[in-house]
Amino acid sequence: MHTDQDDNEYFAVPKAVTIGWDVENGAPSEGSYVHPHGIISLTAPKLCVKEWTGPHFVGGRFVPKRLAEEHSLRLPKYPDAHQIVKLEDV
């Protein structure tokens, strides 16, 4: 695996947690890991992307309004029938 996306022979946009990243802390400080071109979080952003500065999308409308309110989740507004939305400010 490459750590520099300019050397990649593929275009990486993982969903959920990126390969080699810690679920809570994100990309490792050393060693090999995937440096994606963008990230797609399912349902809501995970802790591991809190320092991410690249393109970030949230996909899915899986959380009922009542559950979101109960857990104080700030979920994005999906326009029309869209199933994915780009986060401008993560």
PDB file of N, CA and C in Angstrom:
ATOM      1  N   MET A   1       0.842  -1.179   0.000  1.00  0.00           N
ATOM      2  CA  MET A   1       0.000   0.000   0.000  1.00  0.00           C
ATOM      3  C   MET A   1       0.879   1.231   0.000  1.00  0.00           C
ATOM      4  N   HIS A   2       0.371   2.276  -0.576  1.00  0.00           N
ATOM      5  CA  HIS A   2       1.127   3.519  -0.672  1.00  0.00           C
ATOM      6  C   HIS A   2       0.657   4.514   0.380  1.00  0.00           C
ATOM      7  N   THR A   3       1.571   5.382   0.782  1.00  0.00           N
ATOM      8  CA  THR A   3       1.177   6.458   1.679  1.00  0.00           C
ATOM      9  C   THR A   3       1.027   7.760   0.916  1.00  0.00           C
ATOM     10  N   ASP A   4       1.474   7.821  -0.314  1.00  0.00           N
ATOM     11  CA  ASP A   4       1.396   9.034  -1.117  1.00  0.00           C
ATOM     12  C   ASP A   4       0.408   8.807  -2.248  1.00  0.00           C
ATOM     13  N   GLN A   5      -0.689   9.550  -2.247  1.00  0.00           N
ATOM     14  CA  GLN A   5      -1.714   9.307  -3.250  1.00  0.00           C
ATOM     15  C   GLN A   5      -1.245   9.616  -4.660  1.00  0.00           C
ATOM     16  N   ASP A   6      -0.189  10.415  -4.852  1.00  0.00           N
ATOM     17  CA  ASP A   6       0.317  10.692  -6.189  1.00  0.00           C
ATOM     18  C   ASP A   6       0.952   9.459  -6.817  1.00  0.00           C
ATOM     19  N   ASP A   7       1.402   8.512  -6.009  1.00  0.00           N
ATOM     20  CA  ASP A   7       2.023   7.288  -6.513  1.00  0.00           C
ATOM     21  C   ASP A   7       1.008   6.175  -6.751  1.00  0.00           C
ATOM     22  N   ASN A   8      -0.231   6.393  -6.342  1.00  0.00           N
ATOM     23  CA  ASN A   8      -1.239   5.341  -6.473  1.00  0.00           C
ATOM     24  C   ASN A   8      -1.545   5.039  -7.925  1.00  0.00           C
ATOM     25  N   GLU A   9      -1.777   3.777  -8.202  1.00  0.00           N
ATOM     26  CA  GLU A   9      -2.223   3.358  -9.517  1.00  0.00           C
ATOM     27  C   GLU A   9      -3.734   3.178  -9.504  1.00  0.00           C
ATOM     28  N   TYR A  10      -4.375   3.577  -8.446  1.00  0.00           N
ATOM     29  CA  TYR A  10      -5.811   3.427  -8.299  1.00  0.00           C
ATOM     30  C   TYR A  10      -6.364   4.676  -7.637  1.00  0.00           C
ATOM     31  N   PHE A  11      -7.648   4.859  -7.738  1.00  0.00           N
ATOM     32  CA  PHE A  11      -8.334   5.989  -7.121  1.00  0.00           C
ATOM     33  C   PHE A  11      -9.066   5.451  -5.906  1.00  0.00           C
ATOM     34  N   ALA A  12      -8.662   5.848  -4.721  1.00  0.00           N
ATOM     35  CA  ALA A  12      -9.208   5.291  -3.481  1.00  0.00           C
ATOM     36  C   ALA A  12     -10.232   6.224  -2.850  1.00  0.00           C
ATOM     37  N   VAL A  13     -11.446   5.741  -2.692  1.00  0.00           N
ATOM     38  CA  VAL A  13     -12.492   6.435  -1.948  1.00  0.00           C
ATOM     39  C   VAL A  13     -13.192   5.383  -1.095  1.00  0.00           C
ATOM     40  N   PRO A  14     -12.673   5.151   0.112  1.00  0.00           N
ATOM     41  CA  PRO A  14     -13.241   4.102   0.958  1.00  0.00           C
ATOM     42  C   PRO A  14     -14.562   4.518   1.588  1.00  0.00           C
ATOM     43  N   LYS A  15     -15.355   3.526   1.925  1.00  0.00           N
ATOM     44  CA  LYS A  15     -16.536   3.782   2.733  1.00  0.00           C
ATOM     45  C   LYS A  15     -16.259   3.203   4.119  1.00  0.00           C
ATOM     46  N   ALA A  16     -16.861   3.788   5.107  1.00  0.00           N
ATOM     47  CA  ALA A  16     -16.619   3.397   6.496  1.00  0.00           C
ATOM     48  C   ALA A  16     -15.198   3.773   6.896  1.00  0.00           C
ATOM     49  N   VAL A  17     -14.415   2.862   7.442  1.00  0.00           N
ATOM     50  CA  VAL A  17     -13.069   3.180   7.932  1.00  0.00           C
ATOM     51  C   VAL A  17     -12.025   2.772   6.897  1.00  0.00           C
ATOM     52  N   THR A  18     -11.106   3.675   6.607  1.00  0.00           N
ATOM     53  CA  THR A  18     -10.052   3.430   5.629  1.00  0.00           C
ATOM     54  C   THR A  18      -9.109   2.334   6.108  1.00  0.00           C
ATOM     55  N   ILE A  19      -8.688   1.456   5.205  1.00  0.00           N
ATOM     56  CA  ILE A  19      -7.784   0.352   5.537  1.00  0.00           C
ATOM     57  C   ILE A  19      -6.517   0.888   6.189  1.00  0.00           C
ATOM     58  N   GLY A  20      -6.158   0.320   7.337  1.00  0.00           N
ATOM     59  CA  GLY A  20      -4.948   0.712   8.044  1.00  0.00           C
ATOM     60  C   GLY A  20      -5.150   1.840   9.044  1.00  0.00           C
ATOM     61  N   TRP A  21      -6.321   2.460   9.043  1.00  0.00           N
ATOM     62  CA  TRP A  21      -6.595   3.542   9.981  1.00  0.00           C
ATOM     63  C   TRP A  21      -7.189   2.981  11.270  1.00  0.00           C
ATOM     64  N   ASP A  22      -6.895   3.635  12.382  1.00  0.00           N
ATOM     65  CA  ASP A  22      -7.507   3.301  13.661  1.00  0.00           C
ATOM     66  C   ASP A  22      -8.925   3.884  13.672  1.00  0.00           C
ATOM     67  N   VAL A  23      -9.887   3.147  14.167  1.00  0.00           N
ATOM     68  CA  VAL A  23     -11.287   3.569  14.146  1.00  0.00           C
ATOM     69  C   VAL A  23     -11.504   4.898  14.872  1.00  0.00           C
ATOM     70  N   GLU A  24     -10.751   5.154  15.926  1.00  0.00           N
ATOM     71  CA  GLU A  24     -10.937   6.387  16.686  1.00  0.00           C
ATOM     72  C   GLU A  24      -9.891   7.449  16.382  1.00  0.00           C
ATOM     73  N   ASN A  25      -8.657   7.036  16.055  1.00  0.00           N
ATOM     74  CA  ASN A  25      -7.563   7.998  15.909  1.00  0.00           C
ATOM     75  C   ASN A  25      -7.178   8.337  14.478  1.00  0.00           C
ATOM     76  N   GLY A  26      -7.725   7.649  13.503  1.00  0.00           N
ATOM     77  CA  GLY A  26      -7.446   7.971  12.110  1.00  0.00           C
ATOM     78  C   GLY A  26      -6.172   7.346  11.578  1.00  0.00           C
ATOM     79  N   ALA A  27      -5.534   8.062  10.633  1.00  0.00           N
ATOM     80  CA  ALA A  27      -4.346   7.547   9.951  1.00  0.00           C
ATOM     81  C   ALA A  27      -3.191   7.360  10.929  1.00  0.00           C
ATOM     82  N   PRO A  28      -2.423   6.288  10.754  1.00  0.00           N
ATOM     83  CA  PRO A  28      -1.271   6.066  11.634  1.00  0.00           C
ATOM     84  C   PRO A  28      -0.180   7.093  11.360  1.00  0.00           C
ATOM     85  N   SER A  29       0.660   7.329  12.340  1.00  0.00           N
ATOM     86  CA  SER A  29       1.753   8.294  12.171  1.00  0.00           C
ATOM     87  C   SER A  29       2.935   7.685  11.437  1.00  0.00           C
ATOM     88  N   GLU A  30       2.967   6.365  11.304  1.00  0.00           N
ATOM     89  CA  GLU A  30       4.060   5.704  10.583  1.00  0.00           C
ATOM     90  C   GLU A  30       3.554   4.407   9.964  1.00  0.00           C
ATOM     91  N   GLY A  31       4.341   3.870   9.045  1.00  0.00           N
ATOM     92  CA  GLY A  31       3.970   2.615   8.395  1.00  0.00           C
ATOM     93  C   GLY A  31       3.094   2.838   7.177  1.00  0.00           C
ATOM     94  N   SER A  32       2.733   1.751   6.534  1.00  0.00           N
ATOM     95  CA  SER A  32       1.924   1.813   5.320  1.00  0.00           C
ATOM     96  C   SER A  32       0.438   1.850   5.641  1.00  0.00           C
ATOM     97  N   TYR A  33      -0.274   2.665   4.904  1.00  0.00           N
ATOM     98  CA  TYR A  33      -1.722   2.737   5.011  1.00  0.00           C
ATOM     99  C   TYR A  33      -2.250   3.396   3.742  1.00  0.00           C
ATOM    100  N   VAL A  34      -3.520   3.264   3.514  1.00  0.00           N
ATOM    101  CA  VAL A  34      -4.138   3.880   2.351  1.00  0.00           C
ATOM    102  C   VAL A  34      -4.386   5.354   2.633  1.00  0.00           C
ATOM    103  N   HIS A  35      -3.937   6.219   1.726  1.00  0.00           N
ATOM    104  CA  HIS A  35      -4.250   7.644   1.793  1.00  0.00           C
ATOM    105  C   HIS A  35      -5.285   7.904   0.704  1.00  0.00           C
ATOM    106  N   PRO A  36      -6.560   7.945   1.072  1.00  0.00           N
ATOM    107  CA  PRO A  36      -7.616   8.034   0.072  1.00  0.00           C
ATOM    108  C   PRO A  36      -7.720   9.416  -0.576  1.00  0.00           C
ATOM    109  N   HIS A  37      -8.371   9.448  -1.719  1.00  0.00           N
ATOM    110  CA  HIS A  37      -8.644  10.704  -2.412  1.00  0.00           C
ATOM    111  C   HIS A  37      -9.861  11.397  -1.807  1.00  0.00           C
ATOM    112  N   GLY A  38     -10.698  10.646  -1.154  1.00  0.00           N
ATOM    113  CA  GLY A  38     -11.903  11.145  -0.514  1.00  0.00           C
ATOM    114  C   GLY A  38     -12.436  10.067   0.410  1.00  0.00           C
ATOM    115  N   ILE A  39     -13.426  10.413   1.217  1.00  0.00           N
ATOM    116  CA  ILE A  39     -13.998   9.462   2.173  1.00  0.00           C
ATOM    117  C   ILE A  39     -15.519   9.514   2.078  1.00  0.00           C
ATOM    118  N   ILE A  40     -16.141   8.344   2.161  1.00  0.00           N
ATOM    119  CA  ILE A  40     -17.593   8.242   2.255  1.00  0.00           C
ATOM    120  C   ILE A  40     -17.918   7.618   3.608  1.00  0.00           C
ATOM    121  N   SER A  41     -18.555   8.383   4.465  1.00  0.00           N
ATOM    122  CA  SER A  41     -18.987   7.861   5.765  1.00  0.00           C
ATOM    123  C   SER A  41     -20.422   7.382   5.630  1.00  0.00           C
ATOM    124  N   LEU A  42     -20.701   6.208   6.156  1.00  0.00           N
ATOM    125  CA  LEU A  42     -22.064   5.695   6.126  1.00  0.00           C
ATOM    126  C   LEU A  42     -22.800   6.130   7.382  1.00  0.00           C
ATOM    127  N   THR A  43     -23.943   6.708   7.236  1.00  0.00           N
ATOM    128  CA  THR A  43     -24.822   7.211   8.283  1.00  0.00           C
ATOM    129  C   THR A  43     -24.303   8.498   8.918  1.00  0.00           C
ATOM    130  N   ALA A  44     -23.096   8.468   9.484  1.00  0.00           N
ATOM    131  CA  ALA A  44     -22.517   9.648  10.129  1.00  0.00           C
ATOM    132  C   ALA A  44     -20.996   9.530  10.108  1.00  0.00           C
ATOM    133  N   PRO A  45     -20.278  10.674  10.146  1.00  0.00           N
ATOM    134  CA  PRO A  45     -18.808  10.614  10.183  1.00  0.00           C
ATOM    135  C   PRO A  45     -18.319   9.875  11.422  1.00  0.00           C
ATOM    136  N   LYS A  46     -17.236   9.139  11.269  1.00  0.00           N
ATOM    137  CA  LYS A  46     -16.625   8.399  12.372  1.00  0.00           C
ATOM    138  C   LYS A  46     -15.532   9.257  13.014  1.00  0.00           C
ATOM    139  N   LEU A  47     -15.133   8.913  14.232  1.00  0.00           N
ATOM    140  CA  LEU A  47     -14.082   9.656  14.928  1.00  0.00           C
ATOM    141  C   LEU A  47     -12.782   9.706  14.135  1.00  0.00           C
ATOM    142  N   CYS A  48     -12.488   8.654  13.391  1.00  0.00           N
ATOM    143  CA  CYS A  48     -11.202   8.573  12.691  1.00  0.00           C
ATOM    144  C   CYS A  48     -11.043   9.620  11.593  1.00  0.00           C
ATOM    145  N   VAL A  49     -12.101  10.318  11.206  1.00  0.00           N
ATOM    146  CA  VAL A  49     -11.980  11.313  10.141  1.00  0.00           C
ATOM    147  C   VAL A  49     -12.019  12.751  10.663  1.00  0.00           C
ATOM    148  N   LYS A  50     -11.899  12.929  11.968  1.00  0.00           N
ATOM    149  CA  LYS A  50     -12.006  14.284  12.522  1.00  0.00           C
ATOM    150  C   LYS A  50     -10.896  15.213  12.047  1.00  0.00           C
ATOM    151  N   GLU A  51      -9.740  14.679  11.666  1.00  0.00           N
ATOM    152  CA  GLU A  51      -8.635  15.501  11.159  1.00  0.00           C
ATOM    153  C   GLU A  51      -8.576  15.506   9.631  1.00  0.00           C
ATOM    154  N   TRP A  52      -9.477  14.806   8.971  1.00  0.00           N
ATOM    155  CA  TRP A  52      -9.486  14.688   7.512  1.00  0.00           C
ATOM    156  C   TRP A  52      -9.795  16.040   6.879  1.00  0.00           C
ATOM    157  N   THR A  53      -9.037  16.417   5.856  1.00  0.00           N
ATOM    158  CA  THR A  53      -9.246  17.700   5.190  1.00  0.00           C
ATOM    159  C   THR A  53      -9.652  17.550   3.725  1.00  0.00           C
ATOM    160  N   GLY A  54      -9.696  16.325   3.229  1.00  0.00           N
ATOM    161  CA  GLY A  54     -10.071  16.096   1.832  1.00  0.00           C
ATOM    162  C   GLY A  54     -11.577  16.008   1.655  1.00  0.00           C
ATOM    163  N   PRO A  55     -12.021  15.668   0.441  1.00  0.00           N
ATOM    164  CA  PRO A  55     -13.451  15.534   0.179  1.00  0.00           C
ATOM    165  C   PRO A  55     -14.084  14.472   1.077  1.00  0.00           C
ATOM    166  N   HIS A  56     -15.233  14.811   1.634  1.00  0.00           N
ATOM    167  CA  HIS A  56     -15.906  13.916   2.583  1.00  0.00           C
ATOM    168  C   HIS A  56     -17.403  13.918   2.283  1.00  0.00           C
ATOM    169  N   PHE A  57     -17.936  12.732   2.108  1.00  0.00           N
ATOM    170  CA  PHE A  57     -19.350  12.559   1.821  1.00  0.00           C
ATOM    171  C   PHE A  57     -19.979  11.681   2.892  1.00  0.00           C
ATOM    172  N   VAL A  58     -21.263  11.919   3.168  1.00  0.00           N
ATOM    173  CA  VAL A  58     -22.026  11.046   4.056  1.00  0.00           C
ATOM    174  C   VAL A  58     -23.122  10.420   3.208  1.00  0.00           C
ATOM    175  N   GLY A  59     -23.253   9.104   3.328  1.00  0.00           N
ATOM    176  CA  GLY A  59     -24.250   8.397   2.535  1.00  0.00           C
ATOM    177  C   GLY A  59     -25.235   7.651   3.399  1.00  0.00           C
ATOM    178  N   GLY A  60     -26.479   7.681   2.999  1.00  0.00           N
ATOM    179  CA  GLY A  60     -27.508   6.906   3.676  1.00  0.00           C
ATOM    180  C   GLY A  60     -28.398   7.751   4.554  1.00  0.00           C
ATOM    181  N   ARG A  61     -29.615   7.352   4.596  1.00  0.00           N
ATOM    182  CA  ARG A  61     -30.608   8.004   5.453  1.00  0.00           C
ATOM    183  C   ARG A  61     -31.165   6.940   6.396  1.00  0.00           C
ATOM    184  N   PHE A  62     -30.298   6.401   7.222  1.00  0.00           N
ATOM    185  CA  PHE A  62     -30.645   5.220   8.007  1.00  0.00           C
ATOM    186  C   PHE A  62     -31.114   5.513   9.425  1.00  0.00           C
ATOM    187  N   VAL A  63     -30.901   6.727   9.914  1.00  0.00           N
ATOM    188  CA  VAL A  63     -31.195   7.024  11.314  1.00  0.00           C
ATOM    189  C   VAL A  63     -32.566   7.693  11.422  1.00  0.00           C
ATOM    190  N   PRO A  64     -33.492   7.072  12.126  1.00  0.00           N
ATOM    191  CA  PRO A  64     -34.799   7.701  12.327  1.00  0.00           C
ATOM    192  C   PRO A  64     -34.651   9.010  13.111  1.00  0.00           C
ATOM    193  N   LYS A  65     -35.504   9.981  12.819  1.00  0.00           N
ATOM    194  CA  LYS A  65     -35.439  11.298  13.453  1.00  0.00           C
ATOM    195  C   LYS A  65     -35.437  11.186  14.981  1.00  0.00           C
ATOM    196  N   ARG A  66     -36.288  10.335  15.519  1.00  0.00           N
ATOM    197  CA  ARG A  66     -36.378  10.177  16.982  1.00  0.00           C
ATOM    198  C   ARG A  66     -35.048   9.710  17.579  1.00  0.00           C
ATOM    199  N   LEU A  67     -34.392   8.756  16.923  1.00  0.00           N
ATOM    200  CA  LEU A  67     -33.107   8.247  17.403  1.00  0.00           C
ATOM    201  C   LEU A  67     -32.029   9.328  17.311  1.00  0.00           C
ATOM    202  N   ALA A  68     -32.031  10.103  16.237  1.00  0.00           N
ATOM    203  CA  ALA A  68     -31.065  11.197  16.081  1.00  0.00           C
ATOM    204  C   ALA A  68     -31.241  12.228  17.197  1.00  0.00           C
ATOM    205  N   GLU A  69     -32.475  12.556  17.513  1.00  0.00           N
ATOM    206  CA  GLU A  69     -32.746  13.513  18.589  1.00  0.00           C
ATOM    207  C   GLU A  69     -32.328  12.951  19.945  1.00  0.00           C
ATOM    208  N   GLU A  70     -32.626  11.686  20.179  1.00  0.00           N
ATOM    209  CA  GLU A  70     -32.298  11.031  21.450  1.00  0.00           C
ATOM    210  C   GLU A  70     -30.795  11.049  21.722  1.00  0.00           C
ATOM    211  N   HIS A  71     -29.985  10.931  20.673  1.00  0.00           N
ATOM    212  CA  HIS A  71     -28.530  10.886  20.824  1.00  0.00           C
ATOM    213  C   HIS A  71     -27.846  12.188  20.400  1.00  0.00           C
ATOM    214  N   SER A  72     -28.625  13.239  20.215  1.00  0.00           N
ATOM    215  CA  SER A  72     -28.110  14.561  19.830  1.00  0.00           C
ATOM    216  C   SER A  72     -27.215  14.499  18.595  1.00  0.00           C
ATOM    217  N   LEU A  73     -27.628  13.707  17.608  1.00  0.00           N
ATOM    218  CA  LEU A  73     -26.861  13.602  16.368  1.00  0.00           C
ATOM    219  C   LEU A  73     -27.209  14.769  15.451  1.00  0.00           C
ATOM    220  N   ARG A  74     -26.182  15.362  14.882  1.00  0.00           N
ATOM    221  CA  ARG A  74     -26.382  16.427  13.895  1.00  0.00           C
ATOM    222  C   ARG A  74     -26.113  15.827  12.516  1.00  0.00           C
ATOM    223  N   LEU A  75     -27.128  15.308  11.914  1.00  0.00           N
ATOM    224  CA  LEU A  75     -26.996  14.665  10.614  1.00  0.00           C
ATOM    225  C   LEU A  75     -27.239  15.689   9.511  1.00  0.00           C
ATOM    226  N   PRO A  76     -26.618  15.486   8.350  1.00  0.00           N
ATOM    227  CA  PRO A  76     -26.781  16.453   7.260  1.00  0.00           C
ATOM    228  C   PRO A  76     -28.189  16.409   6.676  1.00  0.00           C
ATOM    229  N   LYS A  77     -28.564  17.506   6.047  1.00  0.00           N
ATOM    230  CA  LYS A  77     -29.827  17.563   5.318  1.00  0.00           C
ATOM    231  C   LYS A  77     -29.578  17.003   3.922  1.00  0.00           C
ATOM    232  N   TYR A  78     -30.409  16.084   3.504  1.00  0.00           N
ATOM    233  CA  TYR A  78     -30.301  15.497   2.171  1.00  0.00           C
ATOM    234  C   TYR A  78     -31.296  16.199   1.252  1.00  0.00           C
ATOM    235  N   PRO A  79     -30.802  16.804   0.162  1.00  0.00           N
ATOM    236  CA  PRO A  79     -31.741  17.454  -0.757  1.00  0.00           C
ATOM    237  C   PRO A  79     -32.583  16.426  -1.514  1.00  0.00           C
ATOM    238  N   ASP A  80     -33.847  16.741  -1.667  1.00  0.00           N
ATOM    239  CA  ASP A  80     -34.769  15.893  -2.435  1.00  0.00           C
ATOM    240  C   ASP A  80     -34.657  14.430  -2.004  1.00  0.00           C
ATOM    241  N   ALA A  81     -34.424  13.530  -2.950  1.00  0.00           N
ATOM    242  CA  ALA A  81     -34.322  12.097  -2.655  1.00  0.00           C
ATOM    243  C   ALA A  81     -32.877  11.617  -2.662  1.00  0.00           C
ATOM    244  N   HIS A  82     -31.917  12.538  -2.573  1.00  0.00           N
ATOM    245  CA  HIS A  82     -30.500  12.157  -2.605  1.00  0.00           C
ATOM    246  C   HIS A  82     -30.154  11.219  -1.454  1.00  0.00           C
ATOM    247  N   GLN A  83     -29.258  10.286  -1.717  1.00  0.00           N
ATOM    248  CA  GLN A  83     -28.804   9.329  -0.714  1.00  0.00           C
ATOM    249  C   GLN A  83     -27.397   9.642  -0.222  1.00  0.00           C
ATOM    250  N   ILE A  84     -26.770  10.685  -0.769  1.00  0.00           N
ATOM    251  CA  ILE A  84     -25.412  11.064  -0.395  1.00  0.00           C
ATOM    252  C   ILE A  84     -25.317  12.586  -0.422  1.00  0.00           C
ATOM    253  N   VAL A  85     -24.523  13.129   0.485  1.00  0.00           N
ATOM    254  CA  VAL A  85     -24.336  14.571   0.542  1.00  0.00           C
ATOM    255  C   VAL A  85     -22.870  14.860   0.860  1.00  0.00           C
ATOM    256  N   LYS A  86     -22.321  15.894   0.231  1.00  0.00           N
ATOM    257  CA  LYS A  86     -20.932  16.290   0.495  1.00  0.00           C
ATOM    258  C   LYS A  86     -20.909  17.205   1.713  1.00  0.00           C
ATOM    259  N   LEU A  87     -19.996  16.915   2.628  1.00  0.00           N
ATOM    260  CA  LEU A  87     -19.833  17.761   3.809  1.00  0.00           C
ATOM    261  C   LEU A  87     -18.851  18.872   3.469  1.00  0.00           C
ATOM    262  N   GLU A  88     -19.273  20.089   3.616  1.00  0.00           N
ATOM    263  CA  GLU A  88     -18.401  21.228   3.316  1.00  0.00           C
ATOM    264  C   GLU A  88     -17.528  21.572   4.511  1.00  0.00           C
ATOM    265  N   ASP A  89     -18.058  21.411   5.705  1.00  0.00           N
ATOM    266  CA  ASP A  89     -17.315  21.707   6.932  1.00  0.00           C
ATOM    267  C   ASP A  89     -17.375  20.496   7.838  1.00  0.00           C
ATOM    268  N   VAL A  90     -16.272  19.761   7.916  1.00  0.00           N
ATOM    269  CA  VAL A  90     -16.236  18.553   8.743  1.00  0.00           C
ATOM    270  C   VAL A  90     -15.754  18.908  10.119  1.00  0.00           C
TER     271      VAL A  90
END
